[in-house]
Amino acid sequence: FWATWCGPCREEIPLLKTLRAQHAQDRLEVIGIAIDA
């Protein structure tokens, strides 16, 4: 759960992208739910 105006949310997005790529063999999926316009 994130929003564009939330600083820590923006900070962790690169990590989420990396985790999804690193754990592709586990079929890990990341779903971002944006509480924003």
All heavy atoms as atom14 arrays in JSON, in Angstrom:
{
  "sequence": "FWATWCGPCREEIPLLKTLRAQHAQDRLEVIGIAIDA",
  "atom14_mask": [
    [1, 1, 1, 1, 1, 1, 1, 1, 1, 1, 1, 0, 0, 0],
    [1, 1, 1, 1, 1, 1, 1, 1, 1, 1, 1, 1, 1, 1],
    [1, 1, 1, 1, 1, 0, 0, 0, 0, 0, 0, 0, 0, 0],
    [1, 1, 1, 1, 1, 1, 1, 0, 0, 0, 0, 0, 0, 0],
    [1, 1, 1, 1, 1, 1, 1, 1, 1, 1, 1, 1, 1, 1],
    [1, 1, 1, 1, 1, 1, 0, 0, 0, 0, 0, 0, 0, 0],
    [1, 1, 1, 1, 0, 0, 0, 0, 0, 0, 0, 0, 0, 0],
    [1, 1, 1, 1, 1, 1, 1, 0, 0, 0, 0, 0, 0, 0],
    [1, 1, 1, 1, 1, 1, 0, 0, 0, 0, 0, 0, 0, 0],
    [1, 1, 1, 1, 1, 1, 1, 1, 1, 1, 1, 0, 0, 0],
    [1, 1, 1, 1, 1, 1, 1, 1, 1, 0, 0, 0, 0, 0],
    [1, 1, 1, 1, 1, 1, 1, 1, 1, 0, 0, 0, 0, 0],
    [1, 1, 1, 1, 1, 1, 1, 1, 0, 0, 0, 0, 0, 0],
    [1, 1, 1, 1, 1, 1, 1, 0, 0, 0, 0, 0, 0, 0],
    [1, 1, 1, 1, 1, 1, 1, 1, 0, 0, 0, 0, 0, 0],
    [1, 1, 1, 1, 1, 1, 1, 1, 0, 0, 0, 0, 0, 0],
    [1, 1, 1, 1, 1, 1, 1, 1, 1, 0, 0, 0, 0, 0],
    [1, 1, 1, 1, 1, 1, 1, 0, 0, 0, 0, 0, 0, 0],
    [1, 1, 1, 1, 1, 1, 1, 1, 0, 0, 0, 0, 0, 0],
    [1, 1, 1, 1, 1, 1, 1, 1, 1, 1, 1, 0, 0, 0],
    [1, 1, 1, 1, 1, 0, 0, 0, 0, 0, 0, 0, 0, 0],
    [1, 1, 1, 1, 1, 1, 1, 1, 1, 0, 0, 0, 0, 0],
    [1, 1, 1, 1, 1, 1, 1, 1, 1, 1, 0, 0, 0, 0],
    [1, 1, 1, 1, 1, 0, 0, 0, 0, 0, 0, 0, 0, 0],
    [1, 1, 1, 1, 1, 1, 1, 1, 1, 0, 0, 0, 0, 0],
    [1, 1, 1, 1, 1, 1, 1, 1, 0, 0, 0, 0, 0, 0],
    [1, 1, 1, 1, 1, 1, 1, 1, 1, 1, 1, 0, 0, 0],
    [1, 1, 1, 1, 1, 1, 1, 1, 0, 0, 0, 0, 0, 0],
    [1, 1, 1, 1, 1, 1, 1, 1, 1, 0, 0, 0, 0, 0],
    [1, 1, 1, 1, 1, 1, 1, 0, 0, 0, 0, 0, 0, 0],
    [1, 1, 1, 1, 1, 1, 1, 1, 0, 0, 0, 0, 0, 0],
    [1, 1, 1, 1, 0, 0, 0, 0, 0, 0, 0, 0, 0, 0],
    [1, 1, 1, 1, 1, 1, 1, 1, 0, 0, 0, 0, 0, 0],
    [1, 1, 1, 1, 1, 0, 0, 0, 0, 0, 0, 0, 0, 0],
    [1, 1, 1, 1, 1, 1, 1, 1, 0, 0, 0, 0, 0, 0],
    [1, 1, 1, 1, 1, 1, 1, 1, 0, 0, 0, 0, 0, 0],
    [1, 1, 1, 1, 1, 0, 0, 0, 0, 0, 0, 0, 0, 0]
  ],
  "atom14_positions": [
    [[0.85, -1.19, 0.0], [0.0, 0.0, 0.0], [0.89, 1.24, 0.0], [1.78, 1.37, 0.84], [-0.91, 0.0, 1.23], [-2.08, -0.93, 1.11], [-1.92, -2.3, 1.31], [-3.35, -0.46, 0.79], [-2.99, -3.17, 1.21], [-4.43, -1.33, 0.68], [-4.25, -2.68, 0.88], [0.0, 0.0, 0.0], [0.0, 0.0, 0.0], [0.0, 0.0, 0.0]],
    [[0.62, 2.18, -0.92], [1.5, 3.31, -1.1], [0.74, 4.51, -1.67], [-0.43, 4.43, -1.99], [2.66, 2.94, -2.03], [2.23, 2.71, -3.46], [1.49, 1.65, -3.95], [2.48, 3.56, -4.58], [1.29, 1.78, -5.3], [1.88, 2.95, -5.71], [3.15, 4.76, -4.74], [1.94, 3.51, -6.99], [3.22, 5.33, -6.01], [2.61, 4.69, -7.12]],
    [[1.45, 5.63, -1.78], [0.91, 6.83, -2.43], [2.09, 7.63, -2.98], [3.21, 7.55, -2.48], [0.13, 7.68, -1.43], [0.0, 0.0, 0.0], [0.0, 0.0, 0.0], [0.0, 0.0, 0.0], [0.0, 0.0, 0.0], [0.0, 0.0, 0.0], [0.0, 0.0, 0.0], [0.0, 0.0, 0.0], [0.0, 0.0, 0.0], [0.0, 0.0, 0.0]],
    [[1.84, 8.42, -4.01], [2.92, 9.18, -4.64], [3.47, 10.25, -3.71], [4.64, 10.64, -3.83], [2.43, 9.85, -5.94], [1.38, 10.78, -5.63], [1.92, 8.82, -6.93], [0.0, 0.0, 0.0], [0.0, 0.0, 0.0], [0.0, 0.0, 0.0], [0.0, 0.0, 0.0], [0.0, 0.0, 0.0], [0.0, 0.0, 0.0], [0.0, 0.0, 0.0]],
    [[2.65, 10.76, -2.79], [3.09, 11.84, -1.89], [3.77, 11.32, -0.63], [4.2, 12.1, 0.21], [1.89, 12.7, -1.5], [0.67, 11.92, -1.11], [-0.4, 11.65, -1.91], [0.4, 11.3, 0.14], [-1.33, 10.89, -1.23], [-0.86, 10.66, 0.04], [1.09, 11.21, 1.35], [-1.43, 9.95, 1.09], [0.52, 10.51, 2.4], [-0.73, 9.89, 2.26]],
    [[3.89, 10.02, -0.49], [4.48, 9.4, 0.7], [5.96, 9.12, 0.45], [6.3, 8.27, -0.39], [3.7, 8.12, 1.02], [4.53, 6.99, 2.16], [0.0, 0.0, 0.0], [0.0, 0.0, 0.0], [0.0, 0.0, 0.0], [0.0, 0.0, 0.0], [0.0, 0.0, 0.0], [0.0, 0.0, 0.0], [0.0, 0.0, 0.0], [0.0, 0.0, 0.0]],
    [[6.84, 9.83, 1.17], [8.28, 9.68, 0.97], [8.79, 8.26, 1.14], [9.48, 7.73, 0.25], [0.0, 0.0, 0.0], [0.0, 0.0, 0.0], [0.0, 0.0, 0.0], [0.0, 0.0, 0.0], [0.0, 0.0, 0.0], [0.0, 0.0, 0.0], [0.0, 0.0, 0.0], [0.0, 0.0, 0.0], [0.0, 0.0, 0.0], [0.0, 0.0, 0.0]],
    [[8.52, 7.59, 2.27], [8.99, 6.21, 2.44], [8.43, 5.26, 1.39], [9.1, 4.29, 1.02], [8.49, 5.84, 3.84], [8.38, 7.15, 4.55], [7.92, 8.11, 3.51], [0.0, 0.0, 0.0], [0.0, 0.0, 0.0], [0.0, 0.0, 0.0], [0.0, 0.0, 0.0], [0.0, 0.0, 0.0], [0.0, 0.0, 0.0], [0.0, 0.0, 0.0]],
    [[7.23, 5.55, 0.89], [6.66, 4.71, -0.18], [7.53, 4.79, -1.42], [7.85, 3.77, -2.05], [5.25, 5.18, -0.53], [4.04, 5.14, 0.81], [0.0, 0.0, 0.0], [0.0, 0.0, 0.0], [0.0, 0.0, 0.0], [0.0, 0.0, 0.0], [0.0, 0.0, 0.0], [0.0, 0.0, 0.0], [0.0, 0.0, 0.0], [0.0, 0.0, 0.0]],
    [[7.93, 6.01, -1.78], [8.78, 6.19, -2.96], [10.14, 5.53, -2.76], [10.71, 4.95, -3.69], [8.94, 7.68, -3.27], [7.64, 8.39, -3.64], [7.92, 9.76, -4.22], [8.61, 10.63, -3.29], [7.99, 11.45, -2.42], [6.67, 11.48, -2.37], [8.7, 12.22, -1.62], [0.0, 0.0, 0.0], [0.0, 0.0, 0.0], [0.0, 0.0, 0.0]],
    [[10.65, 5.6, -1.53], [11.97, 5.04, -1.23], [12.01, 3.52, -1.43], [13.03, 2.97, -1.86], [12.37, 5.37, 0.21], [12.7, 6.83, 0.45], [13.99, 7.25, -0.2], [14.88, 6.4, -0.35], [14.1, 8.43, -0.59], [0.0, 0.0, 0.0], [0.0, 0.0, 0.0], [0.0, 0.0, 0.0], [0.0, 0.0, 0.0], [0.0, 0.0, 0.0]],
    [[10.9, 2.84, -1.12], [10.93, 1.38, -1.15], [10.56, 0.78, -2.51], [10.72, -0.42, -2.72], [10.03, 0.79, -0.06], [8.55, 0.99, -0.27], [7.71, 0.44, 0.87], [8.27, -0.02, 1.87], [6.47, 0.48, 0.75], [0.0, 0.0, 0.0], [0.0, 0.0, 0.0], [0.0, 0.0, 0.0], [0.0, 0.0, 0.0], [0.0, 0.0, 0.0]],
    [[10.07, 1.59, -3.44], [9.67, 1.05, -4.75], [10.82, 0.38, -5.49], [10.64, -0.72, -6.04], [8.99, 2.15, -5.6], [7.59, 2.44, -5.04], [8.89, 1.72, -7.07], [6.87, 3.59, -5.71], [0.0, 0.0, 0.0], [0.0, 0.0, 0.0], [0.0, 0.0, 0.0], [0.0, 0.0, 0.0], [0.0, 0.0, 0.0], [0.0, 0.0, 0.0]],
    [[12.02, 0.96, -5.53], [13.14, 0.24, -6.19], [13.4, -1.12, -5.56], [13.72, -2.09, -6.28], [14.33, 1.2, -6.0], [13.71, 2.55, -5.88], [12.43, 2.33, -5.12], [0.0, 0.0, 0.0], [0.0, 0.0, 0.0], [0.0, 0.0, 0.0], [0.0, 0.0, 0.0], [0.0, 0.0, 0.0], [0.0, 0.0, 0.0], [0.0, 0.0, 0.0]],
    [[13.27, -1.23, -4.25], [13.46, -2.52, -3.58], [12.4, -3.51, -4.03], [12.71, -4.68, -4.3], [13.41, -2.34, -2.06], [13.41, -3.63, -1.24], [14.67, -4.45, -1.49], [13.25, -3.33, 0.25], [0.0, 0.0, 0.0], [0.0, 0.0, 0.0], [0.0, 0.0, 0.0], [0.0, 0.0, 0.0], [0.0, 0.0, 0.0], [0.0, 0.0, 0.0]],
    [[11.16, -3.06, -4.13], [10.08, -3.96, -4.55], [10.34, -4.48, -5.97], [10.11, -5.66, -6.26], [8.74, -3.22, -4.48], [8.27, -2.85, -3.07], [7.05, -1.93, -3.15], [7.93, -4.09, -2.25], [0.0, 0.0, 0.0], [0.0, 0.0, 0.0], [0.0, 0.0, 0.0], [0.0, 0.0, 0.0], [0.0, 0.0, 0.0], [0.0, 0.0, 0.0]],
    [[10.8, -3.61, -6.84], [11.13, -4.04, -8.2], [12.25, -5.07, -8.19], [12.2, -6.08, -8.91], [11.53, -2.82, -9.04], [10.39, -1.84, -9.3], [10.89, -0.54, -9.92], [11.53, -0.75, -11.26], [11.94, 0.55, -11.88], [0.0, 0.0, 0.0], [0.0, 0.0, 0.0], [0.0, 0.0, 0.0], [0.0, 0.0, 0.0], [0.0, 0.0, 0.0]],
    [[13.26, -4.84, -7.35], [14.38, -5.77, -7.25], [13.94, -7.12, -6.7], [14.34, -8.18, -7.2], [15.48, -5.18, -6.36], [15.98, -3.98, -6.95], [16.63, -6.17, -6.18], [0.0, 0.0, 0.0], [0.0, 0.0, 0.0], [0.0, 0.0, 0.0], [0.0, 0.0, 0.0], [0.0, 0.0, 0.0], [0.0, 0.0, 0.0], [0.0, 0.0, 0.0]],
    [[13.12, -7.1, -5.66], [12.63, -8.34, -5.05], [11.85, -9.18, -6.07], [12.01, -10.41, -6.13], [11.74, -8.03, -3.85], [12.43, -7.42, -2.63], [11.4, -7.0, -1.59], [13.43, -8.4, -2.02], [0.0, 0.0, 0.0], [0.0, 0.0, 0.0], [0.0, 0.0, 0.0], [0.0, 0.0, 0.0], [0.0, 0.0, 0.0], [0.0, 0.0, 0.0]],
    [[11.04, -8.52, -6.85], [10.24, -9.23, -7.86], [11.16, -9.93, -8.86], [10.9, -11.08, -9.26], [9.32, -8.24, -8.58], [8.37, -8.86, -9.59], [7.45, -7.78, -10.12], [6.42, -8.33, -10.98], [6.39, -8.17, -12.31], [7.36, -7.49, -12.93], [5.4, -8.68, -13.02], [0.0, 0.0, 0.0], [0.0, 0.0, 0.0], [0.0, 0.0, 0.0]],
    [[12.23, -9.25, -9.27], [13.17, -9.85, -10.22], [13.99, -10.96, -9.58], [14.18, -12.03, -10.18], [14.09, -8.76, -10.77], [0.0, 0.0, 0.0], [0.0, 0.0, 0.0], [0.0, 0.0, 0.0], [0.0, 0.0, 0.0], [0.0, 0.0, 0.0], [0.0, 0.0, 0.0], [0.0, 0.0, 0.0], [0.0, 0.0, 0.0], [0.0, 0.0, 0.0]],
    [[14.46, -10.74, -8.36], [15.3, -11.72, -7.69], [14.55, -13.01, -7.36], [15.15, -14.08, -7.3], [15.87, -11.12, -6.4], [16.94, -10.07, -6.62], [17.44, -9.47, -5.32], [16.76, -9.56, -4.28], [18.61, -8.86, -5.34], [0.0, 0.0, 0.0], [0.0, 0.0, 0.0], [0.0, 0.0, 0.0], [0.0, 0.0, 0.0], [0.0, 0.0, 0.0]],
    [[13.26, -12.9, -7.12], [12.46, -14.07, -6.71], [11.53, -14.55, -7.82], [10.5, -15.16, -7.55], [11.66, -13.73, -5.46], [12.53, -13.49, -4.25], [12.85, -14.5, -3.36], [13.15, -12.37, -3.81], [13.62, -14.0, -2.41], [13.83, -12.72, -2.66], [0.0, 0.0, 0.0], [0.0, 0.0, 0.0], [0.0, 0.0, 0.0], [0.0, 0.0, 0.0]],
    [[11.92, -14.27, -9.06], [11.11, -14.72, -10.19], [10.97, -16.23, -10.21], [9.92, -16.77, -10.62], [11.72, -14.22, -11.5], [0.0, 0.0, 0.0], [0.0, 0.0, 0.0], [0.0, 0.0, 0.0], [0.0, 0.0, 0.0], [0.0, 0.0, 0.0], [0.0, 0.0, 0.0], [0.0, 0.0, 0.0], [0.0, 0.0, 0.0], [0.0, 0.0, 0.0]],
    [[12.02, -16.94, -9.77], [11.95, -18.4, -9.77], [10.91, -18.93, -8.78], [10.41, -20.05, -8.94], [13.33, -19.01, -9.45], [13.79, -18.85, -8.01], [14.42, -17.51, -7.73], [14.36, -16.59, -8.56], [15.07, -17.39, -6.57], [0.0, 0.0, 0.0], [0.0, 0.0, 0.0], [0.0, 0.0, 0.0], [0.0, 0.0, 0.0], [0.0, 0.0, 0.0]],
    [[10.59, -18.12, -7.79], [9.54, -18.49, -6.83], [8.17, -18.01, -7.28], [7.19, -18.23, -6.58], [9.86, -17.88, -5.45], [11.17, -18.39, -4.88], [11.47, -19.58, -5.08], [11.88, -17.59, -4.25], [0.0, 0.0, 0.0], [0.0, 0.0, 0.0], [0.0, 0.0, 0.0], [0.0, 0.0, 0.0], [0.0, 0.0, 0.0], [0.0, 0.0, 0.0]],
    [[8.12, -17.35, -8.42], [6.88, -16.78, -8.97], [6.31, -15.68, -8.07], [5.11, -15.44, -8.04], [5.83, -17.87, -9.23], [6.31, -18.97, -10.18], [5.21, -19.97, -10.51], [4.14, -19.37, -11.3], [2.88, -19.24, -10.86], [2.54, -19.67, -9.66], [1.96, -18.7, -11.62], [0.0, 0.0, 0.0], [0.0, 0.0, 0.0], [0.0, 0.0, 0.0]],
    [[7.2, -15.01, -7.33], [6.75, -13.92, -6.48], [6.15, -12.8, -7.33], [6.72, -12.4, -8.33], [7.92, -13.36, -5.68], [7.62, -12.1, -4.85], [6.73, -12.42, -3.67], [8.92, -11.44, -4.38], [0.0, 0.0, 0.0], [0.0, 0.0, 0.0], [0.0, 0.0, 0.0], [0.0, 0.0, 0.0], [0.0, 0.0, 0.0], [0.0, 0.0, 0.0]],
    [[5.0, -12.3, -6.9], [4.41, -11.13, -7.54], [4.24, -10.02, -6.52], [3.94, -10.28, -5.35], [3.05, -11.48, -8.17], [2.44, -10.34, -8.97], [3.31, -9.88, -10.13], [4.31, -9.17, -9.87], [3.0, -10.25, -11.28], [0.0, 0.0, 0.0], [0.0, 0.0, 0.0], [0.0, 0.0, 0.0], [0.0, 0.0, 0.0], [0.0, 0.0, 0.0]],
    [[4.48, -8.81, -6.96], [4.26, -7.62, -6.15], [3.03, -6.91, -6.7], [2.92, -6.69, -7.91], [5.47, -6.66, -6.2], [5.19, -5.39, -5.41], [6.73, -7.37, -5.68], [0.0, 0.0, 0.0], [0.0, 0.0, 0.0], [0.0, 0.0, 0.0], [0.0, 0.0, 0.0], [0.0, 0.0, 0.0], [0.0, 0.0, 0.0], [0.0, 0.0, 0.0]],
    [[2.1, -6.59, -5.83], [0.9, -5.84, -6.21], [0.92, -4.52, -5.45], [0.9, -4.5, -4.22], [-0.4, -6.6, -5.86], [-0.36, -8.04, -6.37], [-1.62, -5.84, -6.4], [-0.33, -8.16, -7.86], [0.0, 0.0, 0.0], [0.0, 0.0, 0.0], [0.0, 0.0, 0.0], [0.0, 0.0, 0.0], [0.0, 0.0, 0.0], [0.0, 0.0, 0.0]],
    [[1.0, -3.41, -6.18], [0.97, -2.11, -5.53], [-0.45, -1.57, -5.49], [-1.1, -1.47, -6.54], [0.0, 0.0, 0.0], [0.0, 0.0, 0.0], [0.0, 0.0, 0.0], [0.0, 0.0, 0.0], [0.0, 0.0, 0.0], [0.0, 0.0, 0.0], [0.0, 0.0, 0.0], [0.0, 0.0, 0.0], [0.0, 0.0, 0.0], [0.0, 0.0, 0.0]],
    [[-0.94, -1.27, -4.31], [-2.26, -0.66, -4.18], [-2.05, 0.81, -3.83], [-1.61, 1.15, -2.72], [-3.12, -1.36, -3.11], [-3.37, -2.81, -3.54], [-4.43, -0.62, -2.9], [-4.29, -3.59, -2.61], [0.0, 0.0, 0.0], [0.0, 0.0, 0.0], [0.0, 0.0, 0.0], [0.0, 0.0, 0.0], [0.0, 0.0, 0.0], [0.0, 0.0, 0.0]],
    [[-2.33, 1.67, -4.79], [-2.09, 3.1, -4.63], [-3.32, 3.8, -4.06], [-4.39, 3.73, -4.66], [-1.7, 3.72, -5.97], [0.0, 0.0, 0.0], [0.0, 0.0, 0.0], [0.0, 0.0, 0.0], [0.0, 0.0, 0.0], [0.0, 0.0, 0.0], [0.0, 0.0, 0.0], [0.0, 0.0, 0.0], [0.0, 0.0, 0.0], [0.0, 0.0, 0.0]],
    [[-3.15, 4.44, -2.93], [-4.24, 5.23, -2.32], [-3.97, 6.67, -2.71], [-3.4, 7.46, -1.95], [-4.28, 5.01, -0.8], [-4.38, 3.51, -0.49], [-5.45, 5.74, -0.18], [-4.39, 3.17, 0.97], [0.0, 0.0, 0.0], [0.0, 0.0, 0.0], [0.0, 0.0, 0.0], [0.0, 0.0, 0.0], [0.0, 0.0, 0.0], [0.0, 0.0, 0.0]],
    [[-4.4, 7.01, -3.92], [-4.0, 8.29, -4.5], [-4.87, 8.54, -5.74], [-5.61, 7.65, -6.19], [-2.52, 8.22, -4.89], [-1.83, 9.56, -4.89], [-2.53, 10.58, -4.99], [-0.6, 9.59, -4.78], [0.0, 0.0, 0.0], [0.0, 0.0, 0.0], [0.0, 0.0, 0.0], [0.0, 0.0, 0.0], [0.0, 0.0, 0.0], [0.0, 0.0, 0.0]],
    [[-4.74, 9.73, -6.29], [-5.48, 10.08, -7.51], [-4.91, 9.31, -8.7], [-3.68, 9.19, -8.84], [-5.4, 11.58, -7.75], [0.0, 0.0, 0.0], [0.0, 0.0, 0.0], [0.0, 0.0, 0.0], [0.0, 0.0, 0.0], [0.0, 0.0, 0.0], [0.0, 0.0, 0.0], [0.0, 0.0, 0.0], [0.0, 0.0, 0.0], [0.0, 0.0, 0.0]]
  ]
}
